[in-house]
PDB file of all heavy atoms in Angstrom:
ATOM      1  N   VAL A   1      -1.837   3.316   9.697  1.00  0.00           N
ATOM      2  CA  VAL A   1      -2.485   2.187   9.070  1.00  0.00           C
ATOM      3  C   VAL A   1      -1.414   1.127   8.744  1.00  0.00           C
ATOM      4  O   VAL A   1      -0.214   1.380   8.719  1.00  0.00           O
ATOM      5  CB  VAL A   1      -3.170   2.618   7.740  1.00  0.00           C
ATOM      6  CG1 VAL A   1      -4.271   3.579   8.032  1.00  0.00           C
ATOM      7  CG2 VAL A   1      -2.206   3.160   6.771  1.00  0.00           C
ATOM      8  N   SER A   2      -1.861  -0.049   8.473  1.00  0.00           N
ATOM      9  CA  SER A   2      -0.978  -1.141   8.090  1.00  0.00           C
ATOM     10  C   SER A   2      -1.393  -1.688   6.733  1.00  0.00           C
ATOM     11  O   SER A   2      -2.552  -1.580   6.360  1.00  0.00           O
ATOM     12  CB  SER A   2      -0.985  -2.292   9.127  1.00  0.00           C
ATOM     13  OG  SER A   2      -2.305  -2.800   9.251  1.00  0.00           O
ATOM     14  N   ALA A   3      -0.464  -2.245   6.014  1.00  0.00           N
ATOM     15  CA  ALA A   3      -0.753  -2.769   4.661  1.00  0.00           C
ATOM     16  C   ALA A   3      -1.406  -4.149   4.772  1.00  0.00           C
ATOM     17  O   ALA A   3      -0.938  -5.006   5.497  1.00  0.00           O
ATOM     18  CB  ALA A   3       0.532  -2.850   3.854  1.00  0.00           C
ATOM     19  N   SER A   4      -2.480  -4.366   4.004  1.00  0.00           N
ATOM     20  CA  SER A   4      -3.100  -5.664   3.937  1.00  0.00           C
ATOM     21  C   SER A   4      -2.671  -6.364   2.665  1.00  0.00           C
ATOM     22  O   SER A   4      -1.996  -5.813   1.854  1.00  0.00           O
ATOM     23  CB  SER A   4      -4.629  -5.498   3.944  1.00  0.00           C
ATOM     24  OG  SER A   4      -5.041  -4.840   2.793  1.00  0.00           O
ATOM     25  N   GLY A   5      -3.144  -7.598   2.469  1.00  0.00           N
ATOM     26  CA  GLY A   5      -2.864  -8.291   1.203  1.00  0.00           C
ATOM     27  C   GLY A   5      -3.386  -7.546   0.055  1.00  0.00           C
ATOM     28  O   GLY A   5      -4.442  -6.883   0.140  1.00  0.00           O
ATOM     29  N   GLY A   6      -2.697  -7.539  -1.085  1.00  0.00           N
ATOM     30  CA  GLY A   6      -3.115  -6.802  -2.279  1.00  0.00           C
ATOM     31  C   GLY A   6      -2.585  -5.415  -2.332  1.00  0.00           C
ATOM     32  O   GLY A   6      -2.796  -4.691  -3.223  1.00  0.00           O
ATOM     33  N   GLY A   7      -1.834  -5.035  -1.246  1.00  0.00           N
ATOM     34  CA  GLY A   7      -1.179  -3.769  -1.278  1.00  0.00           C
ATOM     35  C   GLY A   7      -2.080  -2.550  -0.903  1.00  0.00           C
ATOM     36  O   GLY A   7      -1.686  -1.439  -0.955  1.00  0.00           O
ATOM     37  N   ARG A   8      -3.324  -2.811  -0.486  1.00  0.00           N
ATOM     38  CA  ARG A   8      -4.182  -1.726  -0.053  1.00  0.00           C
ATOM     39  C   ARG A   8      -3.958  -1.390   1.410  1.00  0.00           C
ATOM     40  O   ARG A   8      -3.248  -2.105   2.135  1.00  0.00           O
ATOM     41  CB  ARG A   8      -5.671  -2.137  -0.233  1.00  0.00           C
ATOM     42  CG  ARG A   8      -6.098  -2.265  -1.700  1.00  0.00           C
ATOM     43  CD  ARG A   8      -7.592  -2.504  -1.765  1.00  0.00           C
ATOM     44  NE  ARG A   8      -8.061  -2.565  -3.134  1.00  0.00           N
ATOM     45  CZ  ARG A   8      -8.368  -1.537  -3.906  1.00  0.00           C
ATOM     46  NH1 ARG A   8      -8.244  -0.330  -3.428  1.00  0.00           N
ATOM     47  NH2 ARG A   8      -8.771  -1.687  -5.136  1.00  0.00           N
ATOM     48  N   GLN A   9      -4.577  -0.285   1.852  1.00  0.00           N
ATOM     49  CA  GLN A   9      -4.420   0.069   3.246  1.00  0.00           C
ATOM     50  C   GLN A   9      -5.539  -0.629   4.037  1.00  0.00           C
ATOM     51  O   GLN A   9      -6.649  -0.680   3.619  1.00  0.00           O
ATOM     52  CB  GLN A   9      -4.557   1.587   3.387  1.00  0.00           C
ATOM     53  CG  GLN A   9      -3.524   2.409   2.643  1.00  0.00           C
ATOM     54  CD  GLN A   9      -2.175   2.354   3.317  1.00  0.00           C
ATOM     55  OE1 GLN A   9      -2.096   2.018   4.479  1.00  0.00           O
ATOM     56  NE2 GLN A   9      -1.105   2.619   2.581  1.00  0.00           N
ATOM     57  N   SER A  10      -5.171  -1.152   5.236  1.00  0.00           N
ATOM     58  CA  SER A  10      -6.114  -1.804   6.105  1.00  0.00           C
ATOM     59  C   SER A  10      -6.514  -0.848   7.215  1.00  0.00           C
ATOM     60  O   SER A  10      -5.639  -0.205   7.804  1.00  0.00           O
ATOM     61  CB  SER A  10      -5.532  -3.081   6.672  1.00  0.00           C
ATOM     62  OG  SER A  10      -6.412  -3.659   7.619  1.00  0.00           O
ATOM     63  N   PHE A  11      -7.813  -0.751   7.530  1.00  0.00           N
ATOM     64  CA  PHE A  11      -8.264   0.144   8.565  1.00  0.00           C
ATOM     65  C   PHE A  11      -8.985  -0.684   9.599  1.00  0.00           C
ATOM     66  O   PHE A  11     -10.111  -1.149   9.362  1.00  0.00           O
ATOM     67  CB  PHE A  11      -9.217   1.201   7.971  1.00  0.00           C
ATOM     68  CG  PHE A  11      -8.582   1.884   6.817  1.00  0.00           C
ATOM     69  CD1 PHE A  11      -8.919   1.493   5.509  1.00  0.00           C
ATOM     70  CD2 PHE A  11      -7.687   2.907   6.994  1.00  0.00           C
ATOM     71  CE1 PHE A  11      -8.337   2.148   4.429  1.00  0.00           C
ATOM     72  CE2 PHE A  11      -7.110   3.543   5.870  1.00  0.00           C
ATOM     73  CZ  PHE A  11      -7.431   3.149   4.608  1.00  0.00           C
ATOM     74  N   ALA A  12      -8.379  -0.820  10.773  1.00  0.00           N
ATOM     75  CA  ALA A  12      -8.910  -1.788  11.777  1.00  0.00           C
ATOM     76  C   ALA A  12     -10.313  -1.342  12.263  1.00  0.00           C
ATOM     77  O   ALA A  12     -11.090  -2.183  12.642  1.00  0.00           O
ATOM     78  CB  ALA A  12      -7.946  -1.872  12.920  1.00  0.00           C
ATOM     79  N   HIS A  13     -10.624  -0.049  12.212  1.00  0.00           N
ATOM     80  CA  HIS A  13     -11.868   0.406  12.779  1.00  0.00           C
ATOM     81  C   HIS A  13     -12.960   0.531  11.725  1.00  0.00           C
ATOM     82  O   HIS A  13     -14.038   0.991  12.007  1.00  0.00           O
ATOM     83  CB  HIS A  13     -11.726   1.744  13.495  1.00  0.00           C
ATOM     84  CG  HIS A  13     -11.024   2.806  12.658  1.00  0.00           C
ATOM     85  ND1 HIS A  13      -9.712   2.719  12.266  1.00  0.00           N
ATOM     86  CD2 HIS A  13     -11.463   3.977  12.163  1.00  0.00           C
ATOM     87  CE1 HIS A  13      -9.374   3.777  11.561  1.00  0.00           C
ATOM     88  NE2 HIS A  13     -10.435   4.559  11.466  1.00  0.00           N
ATOM     89  N   VAL A  14     -12.716   0.141  10.475  1.00  0.00           N
ATOM     90  CA  VAL A  14     -13.750   0.041   9.437  1.00  0.00           C
ATOM     91  C   VAL A  14     -13.709  -1.344   8.888  1.00  0.00           C
ATOM     92  O   VAL A  14     -12.740  -1.758   8.285  1.00  0.00           O
ATOM     93  CB  VAL A  14     -13.490   1.076   8.316  1.00  0.00           C
ATOM     94  CG1 VAL A  14     -14.550   0.867   7.211  1.00  0.00           C
ATOM     95  CG2 VAL A  14     -13.505   2.490   8.827  1.00  0.00           C
ATOM     96  N   GLY A  15     -14.803  -2.098   9.140  1.00  0.00           N
ATOM     97  CA  GLY A  15     -14.868  -3.465   8.625  1.00  0.00           C
ATOM     98  C   GLY A  15     -15.017  -3.537   7.129  1.00  0.00           C
ATOM     99  O   GLY A  15     -15.956  -2.998   6.572  1.00  0.00           O
ATOM    100  N   ASN A  16     -14.044  -4.139   6.465  1.00  0.00           N
ATOM    101  CA  ASN A  16     -14.078  -4.369   5.018  1.00  0.00           C
ATOM    102  C   ASN A  16     -14.430  -3.071   4.263  1.00  0.00           C
ATOM    103  O   ASN A  16     -15.460  -2.958   3.619  1.00  0.00           O
ATOM    104  CB  ASN A  16     -15.122  -5.469   4.679  1.00  0.00           C
ATOM    105  CG  ASN A  16     -15.045  -5.894   3.229  1.00  0.00           C
ATOM    106  OD1 ASN A  16     -14.072  -5.686   2.591  1.00  0.00           O
ATOM    107  ND2 ASN A  16     -16.169  -6.430   2.744  1.00  0.00           N
ATOM    108  N   PRO A  17     -13.527  -2.075   4.289  1.00  0.00           N
ATOM    109  CA  PRO A  17     -13.832  -0.817   3.625  1.00  0.00           C
ATOM    110  C   PRO A  17     -14.006  -0.931   2.110  1.00  0.00           C
ATOM    111  O   PRO A  17     -14.668  -0.100   1.504  1.00  0.00           O
ATOM    112  CB  PRO A  17     -12.603   0.078   3.970  1.00  0.00           C
ATOM    113  CG  PRO A  17     -11.537  -0.893   4.313  1.00  0.00           C
ATOM    114  CD  PRO A  17     -12.187  -2.058   4.947  1.00  0.00           C
ATOM    115  N   GLU A  18     -13.438  -2.042   1.481  1.00  0.00           N
ATOM    116  CA  GLU A  18     -13.566  -2.211   0.043  1.00  0.00           C
ATOM    117  C   GLU A  18     -15.021  -2.368  -0.401  1.00  0.00           C
ATOM    118  O   GLU A  18     -15.346  -2.072  -1.569  1.00  0.00           O
ATOM    119  CB  GLU A  18     -12.785  -3.470  -0.408  1.00  0.00           C
ATOM    120  CG  GLU A  18     -11.282  -3.306  -0.342  1.00  0.00           C
ATOM    121  CD  GLU A  18     -10.715  -3.744   1.024  1.00  0.00           C
ATOM    122  OE1 GLU A  18     -11.505  -3.941   1.975  1.00  0.00           O
ATOM    123  OE2 GLU A  18      -9.477  -3.922   1.126  1.00  0.00           O
ATOM    124  N   ARG A  19     -15.887  -2.791   0.532  1.00  0.00           N
ATOM    125  CA  ARG A  19     -17.317  -2.963   0.144  1.00  0.00           C
ATOM    126  C   ARG A  19     -18.017  -1.666  -0.238  1.00  0.00           C
ATOM    127  O   ARG A  19     -19.052  -1.656  -0.846  1.00  0.00           O
ATOM    128  CB  ARG A  19     -18.097  -3.689   1.256  1.00  0.00           C
ATOM    129  CG  ARG A  19     -18.208  -2.851   2.549  1.00  0.00           C
ATOM    130  CD  ARG A  19     -18.672  -3.774   3.695  1.00  0.00           C
ATOM    131  NE  ARG A  19     -18.566  -3.127   4.964  1.00  0.00           N
ATOM    132  CZ  ARG A  19     -19.605  -2.492   5.603  1.00  0.00           C
ATOM    133  NH1 ARG A  19     -20.787  -2.517   5.033  1.00  0.00           N
ATOM    134  NH2 ARG A  19     -19.411  -1.937   6.784  1.00  0.00           N
ATOM    135  N   TYR A  20     -17.422  -0.536   0.180  1.00  0.00           N
ATOM    136  CA  TYR A  20     -18.042   0.777  -0.158  1.00  0.00           C
ATOM    137  C   TYR A  20     -17.659   1.245  -1.555  1.00  0.00           C
ATOM    138  O   TYR A  20     -18.292   2.168  -2.080  1.00  0.00           O
ATOM    139  CB  TYR A  20     -17.599   1.830   0.875  1.00  0.00           C
ATOM    140  CG  TYR A  20     -18.103   1.574   2.264  1.00  0.00           C
ATOM    141  CD1 TYR A  20     -17.315   0.926   3.204  1.00  0.00           C
ATOM    142  CD2 TYR A  20     -19.399   1.969   2.651  1.00  0.00           C
ATOM    143  CE1 TYR A  20     -17.779   0.681   4.489  1.00  0.00           C
ATOM    144  CE2 TYR A  20     -19.863   1.742   3.929  1.00  0.00           C
ATOM    145  CZ  TYR A  20     -19.039   1.088   4.844  1.00  0.00           C
ATOM    146  OH  TYR A  20     -19.515   0.859   6.112  1.00  0.00           O
ATOM    147  N   LEU A  21     -16.650   0.662  -2.167  1.00  0.00           N
ATOM    148  CA  LEU A  21     -16.108   1.179  -3.435  1.00  0.00           C
ATOM    149  C   LEU A  21     -17.032   0.897  -4.599  1.00  0.00           C
ATOM    150  O   LEU A  21     -17.616  -0.190  -4.691  1.00  0.00           O
ATOM    151  CB  LEU A  21     -14.721   0.586  -3.736  1.00  0.00           C
ATOM    152  CG  LEU A  21     -13.655   0.772  -2.602  1.00  0.00           C
ATOM    153  CD1 LEU A  21     -12.366   0.146  -3.097  1.00  0.00           C
ATOM    154  CD2 LEU A  21     -13.513   2.217  -2.249  1.00  0.00           C
ATOM    155  N   LEU A  22     -17.150   1.881  -5.496  1.00  0.00           N
ATOM    156  CA  LEU A  22     -17.914   1.659  -6.745  1.00  0.00           C
ATOM    157  C   LEU A  22     -17.090   0.765  -7.691  1.00  0.00           C
ATOM    158  O   LEU A  22     -17.656  -0.059  -8.358  1.00  0.00           O
ATOM    159  CB  LEU A  22     -18.202   3.033  -7.391  1.00  0.00           C
ATOM    160  CG  LEU A  22     -19.102   3.009  -8.609  1.00  0.00           C
ATOM    161  CD1 LEU A  22     -20.506   2.543  -8.249  1.00  0.00           C
ATOM    162  CD2 LEU A  22     -19.157   4.349  -9.300  1.00  0.00           C
ATOM    163  N   ASN A  23     -15.823   0.994  -7.699  1.00  0.00           N
ATOM    164  CA  ASN A  23     -14.888   0.144  -8.530  1.00  0.00           C
ATOM    165  C   ASN A  23     -13.854  -0.458  -7.558  1.00  0.00           C
ATOM    166  O   ASN A  23     -12.988   0.276  -7.031  1.00  0.00           O
ATOM    167  CB  ASN A  23     -14.263   0.975  -9.610  1.00  0.00           C
ATOM    168  CG  ASN A  23     -13.284   0.147 -10.487  1.00  0.00           C
ATOM    169  OD1 ASN A  23     -12.952  -1.011 -10.164  1.00  0.00           O
ATOM    170  ND2 ASN A  23     -12.864   0.767 -11.557  1.00  0.00           N
ATOM    171  N   PRO A  24     -13.891  -1.781  -7.350  1.00  0.00           N
ATOM    172  CA  PRO A  24     -13.003  -2.397  -6.373  1.00  0.00           C
ATOM    173  C   PRO A  24     -11.506  -2.246  -6.739  1.00  0.00           C
ATOM    174  O   PRO A  24     -10.655  -2.498  -5.893  1.00  0.00           O
ATOM    175  CB  PRO A  24     -13.434  -3.843  -6.336  1.00  0.00           C
ATOM    176  CG  PRO A  24     -14.120  -4.058  -7.636  1.00  0.00           C
ATOM    177  CD  PRO A  24     -14.777  -2.766  -7.989  1.00  0.00           C
ATOM    178  N   ASN A  25     -11.211  -1.855  -7.963  1.00  0.00           N
ATOM    179  CA  ASN A  25      -9.818  -1.687  -8.364  1.00  0.00           C
ATOM    180  C   ASN A  25      -9.303  -0.264  -8.117  1.00  0.00           C
ATOM    181  O   ASN A  25      -8.104  -0.027  -8.287  1.00  0.00           O
ATOM    182  CB  ASN A  25      -9.677  -2.002  -9.871  1.00  0.00           C
ATOM    183  CG  ASN A  25      -9.955  -3.486 -10.149  1.00  0.00           C
ATOM    184  OD1 ASN A  25      -9.500  -4.329  -9.386  1.00  0.00           O
ATOM    185  ND2 ASN A  25     -10.691  -3.765 -11.200  1.00  0.00           N
ATOM    186  N   ASN A  26     -10.189   0.643  -7.692  1.00  0.00           N
ATOM    187  CA  ASN A  26      -9.763   2.050  -7.461  1.00  0.00           C
ATOM    188  C   ASN A  26      -8.980   2.154  -6.115  1.00  0.00           C
ATOM    189  O   ASN A  26      -9.299   1.479  -5.180  1.00  0.00           O
ATOM    190  CB  ASN A  26     -10.929   2.963  -7.367  1.00  0.00           C
ATOM    191  CG  ASN A  26     -11.482   3.364  -8.755  1.00  0.00           C
ATOM    192  OD1 ASN A  26     -10.805   3.189  -9.737  1.00  0.00           O
ATOM    193  ND2 ASN A  26     -12.685   3.919  -8.772  1.00  0.00           N
ATOM    194  N   PRO A  27      -7.988   3.010  -6.114  1.00  0.00           N
ATOM    195  CA  PRO A  27      -7.331   3.309  -4.811  1.00  0.00           C
ATOM    196  C   PRO A  27      -8.263   4.082  -3.913  1.00  0.00           C
ATOM    197  O   PRO A  27      -9.222   4.728  -4.389  1.00  0.00           O
ATOM    198  CB  PRO A  27      -6.110   4.173  -5.231  1.00  0.00           C
ATOM    199  CG  PRO A  27      -6.488   4.754  -6.559  1.00  0.00           C
ATOM    200  CD  PRO A  27      -7.400   3.764  -7.208  1.00  0.00           C
ATOM    201  N   TYR A  28      -8.040   4.001  -2.614  1.00  0.00           N
ATOM    202  CA  TYR A  28      -8.935   4.643  -1.664  1.00  0.00           C
ATOM    203  C   TYR A  28      -8.200   4.832  -0.339  1.00  0.00           C
ATOM    204  O   TYR A  28      -7.113   4.297  -0.100  1.00  0.00           O
ATOM    205  CB  TYR A  28     -10.170   3.786  -1.431  1.00  0.00           C
ATOM    206  CG  TYR A  28      -9.898   2.550  -0.583  1.00  0.00           C
ATOM    207  CD1 TYR A  28     -10.078   2.561   0.810  1.00  0.00           C
ATOM    208  CD2 TYR A  28      -9.445   1.388  -1.185  1.00  0.00           C
ATOM    209  CE1 TYR A  28      -9.818   1.427   1.543  1.00  0.00           C
ATOM    210  CE2 TYR A  28      -9.186   0.229  -0.454  1.00  0.00           C
ATOM    211  CZ  TYR A  28      -9.371   0.279   0.933  1.00  0.00           C
ATOM    212  OH  TYR A  28      -9.083  -0.850   1.699  1.00  0.00           O
ATOM    213  N   PHE A  29      -8.790   5.633   0.553  1.00  0.00           N
ATOM    214  CA  PHE A  29      -8.365   5.682   1.913  1.00  0.00           C
ATOM    215  C   PHE A  29      -9.553   6.010   2.792  1.00  0.00           C
ATOM    216  O   PHE A  29     -10.622   6.480   2.319  1.00  0.00           O
ATOM    217  CB  PHE A  29      -7.198   6.660   2.140  1.00  0.00           C
ATOM    218  CG  PHE A  29      -7.608   8.137   2.013  1.00  0.00           C
ATOM    219  CD1 PHE A  29      -7.794   8.953   3.120  1.00  0.00           C
ATOM    220  CD2 PHE A  29      -7.802   8.724   0.737  1.00  0.00           C
ATOM    221  CE1 PHE A  29      -8.168  10.286   3.013  1.00  0.00           C
ATOM    222  CE2 PHE A  29      -8.111  10.075   0.594  1.00  0.00           C
ATOM    223  CZ  PHE A  29      -8.333  10.871   1.764  1.00  0.00           C
ATOM    224  N   GLU A  30      -9.367   5.819   4.058  1.00  0.00           N
ATOM    225  CA  GLU A  30     -10.471   6.053   5.039  1.00  0.00           C
ATOM    226  C   GLU A  30     -10.144   7.295   5.834  1.00  0.00           C
ATOM    227  O   GLU A  30      -8.976   7.571   6.139  1.00  0.00           O
ATOM    228  CB  GLU A  30     -10.641   4.858   5.931  1.00  0.00           C
ATOM    229  CG  GLU A  30     -11.630   5.012   7.094  1.00  0.00           C
ATOM    230  CD  GLU A  30     -10.940   5.424   8.354  1.00  0.00           C
ATOM    231  OE1 GLU A  30      -9.702   5.484   8.389  1.00  0.00           O
ATOM    232  OE2 GLU A  30     -11.644   5.706   9.356  1.00  0.00           O
ATOM    233  N   LYS A  31     -11.132   8.093   6.154  1.00  0.00           N
ATOM    234  CA  LYS A  31     -10.958   9.345   6.809  1.00  0.00           C
ATOM    235  C   LYS A  31     -11.938   9.493   7.978  1.00  0.00           C
ATOM    236  O   LYS A  31     -13.148   9.368   7.792  1.00  0.00           O
ATOM    237  CB  LYS A  31     -11.198  10.535   5.870  1.00  0.00           C
ATOM    238  CG  LYS A  31     -11.375  11.931   6.452  1.00  0.00           C
ATOM    239  CD  LYS A  31     -10.062  12.504   6.870  1.00  0.00           C
ATOM    240  CE  LYS A  31     -10.251  13.966   7.349  1.00  0.00           C
ATOM    241  NZ  LYS A  31      -8.975  14.511   7.830  1.00  0.00           N
TER     242      LYS A  31
END
């Protein structure tokens, strides 16, 4: 993975993974 703005992980094969989060401030990863 590569780092996106804001220090989160960017996943090229998942469009906008942050939209799935219940709390947008929580850390996450894609599997």
